[in-house]
Amino acid sequence: MNSIKLKNSRKNDVRKYLLTGVASCTFTFSNGVKAGITSSPNNEIVLIKLIPCSSKLKLLEYSVLNNYSSVKNISELAKLSGYNCIKTFTRHFKKSFGQTPYQWVLDRKMEEINSLVINSDVSITDIAAMYDFKSISHLIALYTKRYGLPPHKNRLSKLSGL
């Protein structure tokens, strides 16, 4: 198993690891619960993000952190967090996270996409499909706006060590 510790771009809150060659992985949590991941034979890449959890973590924050990567839209995230009203969910979300749910989820996706662009050879087309972008050009435009270079050029510049 190869492990690459990714550079931390936030305030030392989140540690990220990109794992390759992983056949299976089991996590044992402090409450005794175990969760396992088994990859397919297609040599999948596993990106693990460790987010510290304080003992006073609010139910909303806990729910958002556990569910954001599996939802297709903010409405689903609100429902999984116990809110039927998007407006109320958004107001509480902004108090906890300091930005709108849409922007927060987009920021997390773009961090993951940037890690994949720089640390893997997964095609931009496949990355766009993995993250449910309607078009590759939309992903490229967002990526370029955020990181200053299109994904392909950013990948090449990191490979050449520039």
N, C-alpha and C. Protein backbone atom coordinates (compact mmCIF):
# COMPACT_ATOMS: atom_id res chain seq x y z
N MET A 1 0.85 -1.17 0.00
CA MET A 1 0.00 0.00 0.00
C MET A 1 0.90 1.24 0.00
N ASN A 2 0.65 2.10 -0.93
CA ASN A 2 1.37 3.37 -1.00
C ASN A 2 0.51 4.44 -0.35
N SER A 3 1.10 5.27 0.47
CA SER A 3 0.37 6.35 1.13
C SER A 3 1.09 7.66 0.84
N ILE A 4 0.32 8.65 0.46
CA ILE A 4 0.88 9.98 0.22
C ILE A 4 0.14 10.94 1.12
N LYS A 5 0.85 11.60 2.02
CA LYS A 5 0.21 12.61 2.84
C LYS A 5 0.13 13.89 2.04
N LEU A 6 -1.08 14.39 1.86
CA LEU A 6 -1.28 15.58 1.05
C LEU A 6 -1.05 16.83 1.89
N LYS A 7 -0.56 17.86 1.24
CA LYS A 7 -0.30 19.13 1.93
C LYS A 7 -1.63 19.68 2.45
N ASN A 8 -1.61 20.13 3.68
CA ASN A 8 -2.80 20.64 4.31
C ASN A 8 -3.03 22.09 3.90
N SER A 9 -4.15 22.36 3.22
CA SER A 9 -4.42 23.70 2.74
C SER A 9 -5.28 24.51 3.71
N ARG A 10 -5.83 23.89 4.71
CA ARG A 10 -6.65 24.59 5.68
C ARG A 10 -5.86 24.80 6.97
N LYS A 11 -6.49 25.27 7.99
CA LYS A 11 -5.82 25.66 9.24
C LYS A 11 -5.45 24.45 10.10
N ASN A 12 -4.77 23.47 9.56
CA ASN A 12 -4.38 22.27 10.29
C ASN A 12 -5.57 21.52 10.87
N ASP A 13 -6.78 21.73 10.31
CA ASP A 13 -7.97 21.04 10.78
C ASP A 13 -8.07 19.65 10.17
N VAL A 14 -7.76 19.56 8.90
CA VAL A 14 -8.04 18.35 8.14
C VAL A 14 -6.73 17.75 7.67
N ARG A 15 -6.57 16.46 7.90
CA ARG A 15 -5.42 15.74 7.35
C ARG A 15 -5.96 14.84 6.25
N LYS A 16 -5.27 14.81 5.11
CA LYS A 16 -5.72 14.05 3.97
C LYS A 16 -4.66 13.04 3.58
N TYR A 17 -5.10 11.87 3.17
CA TYR A 17 -4.19 10.84 2.72
C TYR A 17 -4.75 10.25 1.42
N LEU A 18 -3.90 10.09 0.44
CA LEU A 18 -4.26 9.46 -0.81
C LEU A 18 -3.61 8.09 -0.82
N LEU A 19 -4.42 7.04 -0.89
CA LEU A 19 -3.91 5.68 -0.81
C LEU A 19 -4.09 4.98 -2.14
N THR A 20 -3.07 4.29 -2.59
CA THR A 20 -3.16 3.50 -3.81
C THR A 20 -2.80 2.07 -3.49
N GLY A 21 -3.28 1.16 -4.29
CA GLY A 21 -2.97 -0.25 -4.11
C GLY A 21 -3.65 -0.84 -2.89
N VAL A 22 -4.76 -0.27 -2.45
CA VAL A 22 -5.48 -0.76 -1.28
C VAL A 22 -6.51 -1.80 -1.72
N ALA A 23 -6.42 -3.01 -1.17
CA ALA A 23 -7.40 -4.05 -1.45
C ALA A 23 -8.60 -3.91 -0.52
N SER A 24 -8.32 -3.67 0.76
CA SER A 24 -9.39 -3.44 1.72
C SER A 24 -8.82 -2.67 2.92
N CYS A 25 -9.71 -2.04 3.65
CA CYS A 25 -9.30 -1.23 4.79
C CYS A 25 -10.42 -1.28 5.82
N THR A 26 -10.08 -1.43 7.09
CA THR A 26 -11.06 -1.45 8.17
C THR A 26 -10.74 -0.33 9.15
N PHE A 27 -11.75 0.43 9.49
CA PHE A 27 -11.62 1.50 10.47
C PHE A 27 -12.34 1.09 11.74
N THR A 28 -11.69 1.26 12.88
CA THR A 28 -12.32 1.02 14.17
C THR A 28 -12.42 2.35 14.88
N PHE A 29 -13.64 2.76 15.20
CA PHE A 29 -13.87 4.05 15.80
C PHE A 29 -13.84 3.95 17.33
N SER A 30 -13.71 5.10 17.99
CA SER A 30 -13.57 5.12 19.45
C SER A 30 -14.78 4.53 20.16
N ASN A 31 -15.95 4.53 19.53
CA ASN A 31 -17.13 3.95 20.15
C ASN A 31 -17.26 2.45 19.86
N GLY A 32 -16.24 1.86 19.21
CA GLY A 32 -16.24 0.42 18.94
C GLY A 32 -16.82 0.02 17.59
N VAL A 33 -17.45 0.95 16.91
CA VAL A 33 -18.04 0.66 15.60
C VAL A 33 -16.93 0.45 14.59
N LYS A 34 -17.12 -0.55 13.73
CA LYS A 34 -16.14 -0.82 12.68
C LYS A 34 -16.78 -0.58 11.32
N ALA A 35 -15.99 -0.05 10.41
CA ALA A 35 -16.45 0.17 9.04
C ALA A 35 -15.35 -0.29 8.11
N GLY A 36 -15.74 -0.93 7.01
CA GLY A 36 -14.75 -1.43 6.08
C GLY A 36 -14.95 -0.92 4.68
N ILE A 37 -13.86 -0.87 3.95
CA ILE A 37 -13.88 -0.47 2.54
C ILE A 37 -13.15 -1.56 1.78
N THR A 38 -13.77 -2.02 0.70
CA THR A 38 -13.12 -2.98 -0.17
C THR A 38 -13.18 -2.41 -1.57
N SER A 39 -12.03 -2.32 -2.23
CA SER A 39 -12.00 -1.75 -3.58
C SER A 39 -12.27 -2.84 -4.62
N SER A 40 -12.67 -2.38 -5.78
CA SER A 40 -12.88 -3.31 -6.89
C SER A 40 -11.53 -3.64 -7.51
N PRO A 41 -11.48 -4.60 -8.39
CA PRO A 41 -10.19 -4.94 -9.00
C PRO A 41 -9.69 -3.90 -10.00
N ASN A 42 -10.34 -2.75 -10.10
CA ASN A 42 -9.96 -1.71 -11.06
C ASN A 42 -8.91 -0.76 -10.51
N ASN A 43 -8.19 -1.15 -9.46
CA ASN A 43 -7.15 -0.32 -8.87
C ASN A 43 -7.66 1.07 -8.49
N GLU A 44 -8.70 1.10 -7.70
CA GLU A 44 -9.26 2.37 -7.26
C GLU A 44 -8.28 3.12 -6.37
N ILE A 45 -8.44 4.42 -6.33
CA ILE A 45 -7.65 5.28 -5.45
C ILE A 45 -8.56 5.65 -4.29
N VAL A 46 -8.03 5.62 -3.08
CA VAL A 46 -8.80 5.94 -1.89
C VAL A 46 -8.26 7.25 -1.32
N LEU A 47 -9.15 8.22 -1.15
CA LEU A 47 -8.80 9.48 -0.53
C LEU A 47 -9.46 9.50 0.84
N ILE A 48 -8.65 9.61 1.89
CA ILE A 48 -9.17 9.62 3.25
C ILE A 48 -8.93 10.99 3.84
N LYS A 49 -9.98 11.57 4.42
CA LYS A 49 -9.87 12.86 5.08
C LYS A 49 -10.16 12.65 6.56
N LEU A 50 -9.23 13.05 7.41
CA LEU A 50 -9.42 12.95 8.85
C LEU A 50 -9.78 14.33 9.37
N ILE A 51 -10.99 14.45 9.88
CA ILE A 51 -11.49 15.73 10.39
C ILE A 51 -11.67 15.59 11.89
N PRO A 52 -10.95 16.40 12.67
CA PRO A 52 -11.06 16.26 14.12
C PRO A 52 -12.48 16.53 14.61
N CYS A 53 -12.87 15.79 15.62
CA CYS A 53 -14.22 15.91 16.15
C CYS A 53 -14.12 16.31 17.62
N SER A 54 -14.64 17.47 17.96
CA SER A 54 -14.61 17.89 19.35
C SER A 54 -15.78 17.25 20.09
N SER A 55 -15.69 17.18 21.39
CA SER A 55 -16.75 16.55 22.17
C SER A 55 -18.03 17.38 22.15
N LYS A 56 -17.92 18.66 21.79
CA LYS A 56 -19.10 19.54 21.76
C LYS A 56 -19.64 19.74 20.34
N LEU A 57 -19.30 18.83 19.44
CA LEU A 57 -19.74 18.96 18.07
C LEU A 57 -21.26 18.92 18.01
N LYS A 58 -21.83 19.90 17.38
CA LYS A 58 -23.28 19.99 17.28
C LYS A 58 -23.81 18.91 16.35
N LEU A 59 -25.07 18.56 16.56
CA LEU A 59 -25.71 17.53 15.75
C LEU A 59 -25.70 17.90 14.26
N LEU A 60 -25.94 19.16 13.95
CA LEU A 60 -25.92 19.61 12.56
C LEU A 60 -24.55 19.38 11.94
N GLU A 61 -23.50 19.81 12.63
CA GLU A 61 -22.15 19.65 12.09
C GLU A 61 -21.81 18.18 11.90
N TYR A 62 -22.15 17.36 12.87
CA TYR A 62 -21.90 15.92 12.79
C TYR A 62 -22.62 15.32 11.59
N SER A 63 -23.88 15.69 11.43
CA SER A 63 -24.67 15.16 10.32
C SER A 63 -24.12 15.61 8.97
N VAL A 64 -23.75 16.87 8.86
CA VAL A 64 -23.21 17.40 7.61
C VAL A 64 -21.90 16.68 7.26
N LEU A 65 -21.00 16.57 8.23
CA LEU A 65 -19.71 15.93 7.98
C LEU A 65 -19.86 14.46 7.59
N ASN A 66 -20.87 13.80 8.13
CA ASN A 66 -21.08 12.39 7.80
C ASN A 66 -21.79 12.16 6.48
N ASN A 67 -22.55 13.16 6.01
CA ASN A 67 -23.41 12.93 4.85
C ASN A 67 -23.09 13.73 3.60
N TYR A 68 -22.27 14.77 3.70
CA TYR A 68 -22.11 15.67 2.55
C TYR A 68 -21.60 14.98 1.29
N SER A 69 -20.74 13.99 1.45
CA SER A 69 -20.14 13.37 0.26
C SER A 69 -21.08 12.39 -0.44
N SER A 70 -22.16 12.01 0.22
CA SER A 70 -23.06 11.02 -0.39
C SER A 70 -24.36 11.62 -0.94
N VAL A 71 -24.56 12.92 -0.80
CA VAL A 71 -25.80 13.53 -1.27
C VAL A 71 -25.61 14.16 -2.65
N LYS A 72 -26.71 14.26 -3.38
CA LYS A 72 -26.65 14.86 -4.71
C LYS A 72 -26.96 16.35 -4.69
N ASN A 73 -27.66 16.81 -3.64
CA ASN A 73 -27.99 18.23 -3.57
C ASN A 73 -28.17 18.67 -2.12
N ILE A 74 -28.32 19.96 -1.93
CA ILE A 74 -28.42 20.54 -0.59
C ILE A 74 -29.73 20.14 0.07
N SER A 75 -30.76 19.95 -0.71
CA SER A 75 -32.04 19.53 -0.16
C SER A 75 -31.92 18.17 0.54
N GLU A 76 -31.21 17.24 -0.07
CA GLU A 76 -30.96 15.93 0.55
C GLU A 76 -30.16 16.07 1.82
N LEU A 77 -29.14 16.93 1.79
CA LEU A 77 -28.30 17.15 2.97
C LEU A 77 -29.13 17.73 4.11
N ALA A 78 -30.03 18.66 3.80
CA ALA A 78 -30.91 19.25 4.81
C ALA A 78 -31.78 18.17 5.45
N LYS A 79 -32.37 17.33 4.62
CA LYS A 79 -33.25 16.26 5.14
C LYS A 79 -32.49 15.29 6.02
N LEU A 80 -31.28 14.90 5.59
CA LEU A 80 -30.47 13.98 6.39
C LEU A 80 -30.00 14.62 7.69
N SER A 81 -30.00 15.96 7.72
CA SER A 81 -29.58 16.69 8.92
C SER A 81 -30.78 17.03 9.81
N GLY A 82 -31.96 16.57 9.41
CA GLY A 82 -33.15 16.77 10.23
C GLY A 82 -33.92 18.05 9.94
N TYR A 83 -33.72 18.66 8.78
CA TYR A 83 -34.41 19.90 8.42
C TYR A 83 -35.31 19.66 7.22
N ASN A 84 -36.56 20.09 7.31
CA ASN A 84 -37.47 20.03 6.18
C ASN A 84 -37.47 21.33 5.39
N CYS A 85 -37.06 22.41 6.03
CA CYS A 85 -37.04 23.73 5.41
C CYS A 85 -35.60 24.12 5.03
N ILE A 86 -35.36 24.30 3.75
CA ILE A 86 -34.02 24.65 3.27
C ILE A 86 -33.57 25.99 3.85
N LYS A 87 -34.49 26.95 3.97
CA LYS A 87 -34.13 28.26 4.48
C LYS A 87 -33.61 28.17 5.92
N THR A 88 -34.29 27.39 6.75
CA THR A 88 -33.85 27.21 8.14
C THR A 88 -32.52 26.47 8.19
N PHE A 89 -32.39 25.43 7.38
CA PHE A 89 -31.14 24.67 7.31
C PHE A 89 -29.99 25.59 6.91
N THR A 90 -30.20 26.41 5.89
CA THR A 90 -29.15 27.32 5.41
C THR A 90 -28.75 28.32 6.49
N ARG A 91 -29.73 28.83 7.21
CA ARG A 91 -29.43 29.81 8.28
C ARG A 91 -28.57 29.15 9.38
N HIS A 92 -28.95 27.96 9.81
CA HIS A 92 -28.18 27.25 10.85
C HIS A 92 -26.82 26.82 10.32
N PHE A 93 -26.79 26.41 9.07
CA PHE A 93 -25.54 25.98 8.45
C PHE A 93 -24.54 27.13 8.43
N LYS A 94 -25.00 28.31 8.01
CA LYS A 94 -24.12 29.48 7.93
C LYS A 94 -23.58 29.87 9.31
N LYS A 95 -24.38 29.68 10.36
CA LYS A 95 -23.91 29.97 11.72
C LYS A 95 -22.80 29.00 12.12
N SER A 96 -22.93 27.73 11.73
CA SER A 96 -21.95 26.71 12.12
C SER A 96 -20.70 26.71 11.25
N PHE A 97 -20.88 26.89 9.94
CA PHE A 97 -19.76 26.71 9.01
C PHE A 97 -19.25 28.01 8.38
N GLY A 98 -19.99 29.10 8.55
CA GLY A 98 -19.53 30.39 8.06
C GLY A 98 -19.73 30.64 6.57
N GLN A 99 -20.42 29.75 5.88
CA GLN A 99 -20.73 29.96 4.47
C GLN A 99 -21.98 29.16 4.12
N THR A 100 -22.50 29.38 2.92
CA THR A 100 -23.71 28.66 2.52
C THR A 100 -23.40 27.18 2.32
N PRO A 101 -24.42 26.33 2.46
CA PRO A 101 -24.18 24.90 2.24
C PRO A 101 -23.64 24.60 0.84
N TYR A 102 -24.17 25.26 -0.17
CA TYR A 102 -23.70 25.02 -1.53
C TYR A 102 -22.22 25.34 -1.67
N GLN A 103 -21.81 26.50 -1.17
CA GLN A 103 -20.40 26.90 -1.31
C GLN A 103 -19.49 25.98 -0.51
N TRP A 104 -19.93 25.58 0.68
CA TRP A 104 -19.13 24.70 1.53
C TRP A 104 -18.92 23.34 0.86
N VAL A 105 -20.01 22.77 0.32
CA VAL A 105 -19.91 21.47 -0.35
C VAL A 105 -19.04 21.60 -1.60
N LEU A 106 -19.22 22.68 -2.36
CA LEU A 106 -18.39 22.90 -3.55
C LEU A 106 -16.91 23.03 -3.17
N ASP A 107 -16.61 23.72 -2.08
CA ASP A 107 -15.22 23.83 -1.62
C ASP A 107 -14.64 22.46 -1.30
N ARG A 108 -15.39 21.61 -0.60
CA ARG A 108 -14.91 20.26 -0.29
C ARG A 108 -14.67 19.46 -1.57
N LYS A 109 -15.62 19.54 -2.51
CA LYS A 109 -15.45 18.81 -3.77
C LYS A 109 -14.21 19.29 -4.52
N MET A 110 -14.02 20.60 -4.58
CA MET A 110 -12.88 21.13 -5.32
C MET A 110 -11.56 20.75 -4.66
N GLU A 111 -11.52 20.66 -3.33
CA GLU A 111 -10.31 20.20 -2.64
C GLU A 111 -10.00 18.75 -3.04
N GLU A 112 -11.04 17.92 -3.07
CA GLU A 112 -10.85 16.52 -3.44
C GLU A 112 -10.44 16.39 -4.91
N ILE A 113 -11.07 17.18 -5.76
CA ILE A 113 -10.74 17.16 -7.19
C ILE A 113 -9.29 17.60 -7.40
N ASN A 114 -8.88 18.65 -6.71
CA ASN A 114 -7.50 19.12 -6.82
C ASN A 114 -6.53 18.01 -6.40
N SER A 115 -6.83 17.31 -5.33
CA SER A 115 -5.98 16.20 -4.89
C SER A 115 -5.89 15.12 -5.96
N LEU A 116 -7.01 14.81 -6.58
CA LEU A 116 -7.01 13.79 -7.64
C LEU A 116 -6.22 14.27 -8.86
N VAL A 117 -6.38 15.53 -9.22
CA VAL A 117 -5.67 16.07 -10.38
C VAL A 117 -4.16 16.00 -10.16
N ILE A 118 -3.72 16.42 -8.99
CA ILE A 118 -2.29 16.51 -8.72
C ILE A 118 -1.66 15.15 -8.40
N ASN A 119 -2.39 14.28 -7.73
CA ASN A 119 -1.78 13.06 -7.20
C ASN A 119 -2.21 11.77 -7.89
N SER A 120 -2.93 11.86 -8.98
CA SER A 120 -3.35 10.64 -9.67
C SER A 120 -3.32 10.86 -11.17
N ASP A 121 -3.58 9.79 -11.89
CA ASP A 121 -3.67 9.90 -13.34
C ASP A 121 -5.10 9.69 -13.83
N VAL A 122 -6.07 9.87 -12.94
CA VAL A 122 -7.48 9.75 -13.30
C VAL A 122 -7.80 10.88 -14.29
N SER A 123 -8.46 10.53 -15.39
CA SER A 123 -8.75 11.54 -16.42
C SER A 123 -9.72 12.60 -15.89
N ILE A 124 -9.64 13.78 -16.46
CA ILE A 124 -10.53 14.87 -16.07
C ILE A 124 -11.97 14.49 -16.37
N THR A 125 -12.19 13.76 -17.45
CA THR A 125 -13.53 13.28 -17.80
C THR A 125 -14.07 12.38 -16.70
N ASP A 126 -13.25 11.45 -16.21
CA ASP A 126 -13.68 10.55 -15.14
C ASP A 126 -13.92 11.30 -13.84
N ILE A 127 -13.08 12.28 -13.55
CA ILE A 127 -13.26 13.09 -12.33
C ILE A 127 -14.58 13.85 -12.41
N ALA A 128 -14.87 14.44 -13.56
CA ALA A 128 -16.13 15.17 -13.74
C ALA A 128 -17.33 14.24 -13.51
N ALA A 129 -17.25 13.02 -14.01
CA ALA A 129 -18.32 12.05 -13.81
C ALA A 129 -18.43 11.63 -12.34
N MET A 130 -17.29 11.43 -11.69
CA MET A 130 -17.28 11.02 -10.28
C MET A 130 -17.97 12.04 -9.38
N TYR A 131 -17.82 13.31 -9.72
CA TYR A 131 -18.37 14.38 -8.89
C TYR A 131 -19.64 14.99 -9.47
N ASP A 132 -20.28 14.27 -10.39
CA ASP A 132 -21.59 14.64 -10.95
C ASP A 132 -21.64 16.01 -11.62
N PHE A 133 -20.54 16.40 -12.28
CA PHE A 133 -20.58 17.63 -13.07
C PHE A 133 -21.33 17.33 -14.36
N LYS A 134 -22.19 18.25 -14.77
CA LYS A 134 -22.99 18.04 -15.97
C LYS A 134 -22.12 18.09 -17.23
N SER A 135 -21.02 18.83 -17.17
CA SER A 135 -20.11 18.88 -18.31
C SER A 135 -18.67 19.05 -17.83
N ILE A 136 -17.76 18.59 -18.65
CA ILE A 136 -16.34 18.72 -18.33
C ILE A 136 -15.93 20.19 -18.35
N SER A 137 -16.51 20.95 -19.27
CA SER A 137 -16.15 22.37 -19.38
C SER A 137 -16.53 23.14 -18.11
N HIS A 138 -17.62 22.75 -17.46
CA HIS A 138 -18.01 23.39 -16.21
C HIS A 138 -16.97 23.12 -15.13
N LEU A 139 -16.51 21.88 -15.02
CA LEU A 139 -15.47 21.53 -14.05
C LEU A 139 -14.17 22.29 -14.36
N ILE A 140 -13.78 22.32 -15.62
CA ILE A 140 -12.54 23.00 -16.00
C ILE A 140 -12.62 24.49 -15.67
N ALA A 141 -13.77 25.11 -15.94
CA ALA A 141 -13.94 26.55 -15.64
C ALA A 141 -13.86 26.81 -14.14
N LEU A 142 -14.53 26.00 -13.34
CA LEU A 142 -14.47 26.17 -11.88
C LEU A 142 -13.06 25.95 -11.35
N TYR A 143 -12.42 24.91 -11.84
CA TYR A 143 -11.07 24.57 -11.40
C TYR A 143 -10.09 25.70 -11.75
N THR A 144 -10.19 26.18 -12.98
CA THR A 144 -9.30 27.25 -13.44
C THR A 144 -9.50 28.52 -12.62
N LYS A 145 -10.75 28.85 -12.34
CA LYS A 145 -11.05 30.05 -11.54
C LYS A 145 -10.46 29.91 -10.13
N ARG A 146 -10.55 28.74 -9.56
CA ARG A 146 -10.08 28.52 -8.19
C ARG A 146 -8.57 28.39 -8.08
N TYR A 147 -7.95 27.65 -8.99
CA TYR A 147 -6.52 27.33 -8.87
C TYR A 147 -5.62 28.06 -9.86
N GLY A 148 -6.19 28.83 -10.77
CA GLY A 148 -5.38 29.65 -11.67
C GLY A 148 -4.89 28.95 -12.92
N LEU A 149 -5.02 27.64 -12.98
CA LEU A 149 -4.61 26.85 -14.15
C LEU A 149 -5.68 25.81 -14.42
N PRO A 150 -5.88 25.44 -15.68
CA PRO A 150 -6.79 24.32 -15.98
C PRO A 150 -6.22 23.04 -15.35
N PRO A 151 -7.06 22.06 -15.06
CA PRO A 151 -6.59 20.84 -14.39
C PRO A 151 -5.43 20.15 -15.12
N HIS A 152 -5.52 20.05 -16.43
CA HIS A 152 -4.47 19.34 -17.18
C HIS A 152 -3.12 20.05 -17.03
N LYS A 153 -3.13 21.37 -17.17
CA LYS A 153 -1.87 22.13 -17.03
C LYS A 153 -1.36 22.09 -15.60
N ASN A 154 -2.27 22.11 -14.63
CA ASN A 154 -1.86 22.02 -13.23
C ASN A 154 -1.21 20.66 -12.95
N ARG A 155 -1.77 19.61 -13.51
CA ARG A 155 -1.20 18.27 -13.35
C ARG A 155 0.19 18.21 -13.97
N LEU A 156 0.32 18.76 -15.16
CA LEU A 156 1.62 18.74 -15.84
C LEU A 156 2.66 19.57 -15.09
N SER A 157 2.25 20.73 -14.55
CA SER A 157 3.20 21.57 -13.82
C SER A 157 3.65 20.89 -12.53
N LYS A 158 2.79 20.14 -11.87
CA LYS A 158 3.18 19.43 -10.65
C LYS A 158 4.09 18.26 -10.99
N LEU A 159 3.85 17.61 -12.12
CA LEU A 159 4.69 16.49 -12.54
C LEU A 159 6.10 16.95 -12.90
N SER A 160 6.18 18.13 -13.51
CA SER A 160 7.49 18.63 -13.91
C SER A 160 8.20 19.37 -12.79
N GLY A 161 7.50 19.52 -11.63
CA GLY A 161 8.12 20.13 -10.47
C GLY A 161 8.18 21.64 -10.50
N LEU A 162 7.35 22.28 -11.31
CA LEU A 162 7.36 23.74 -11.40
C LEU A 162 6.61 24.36 -10.27
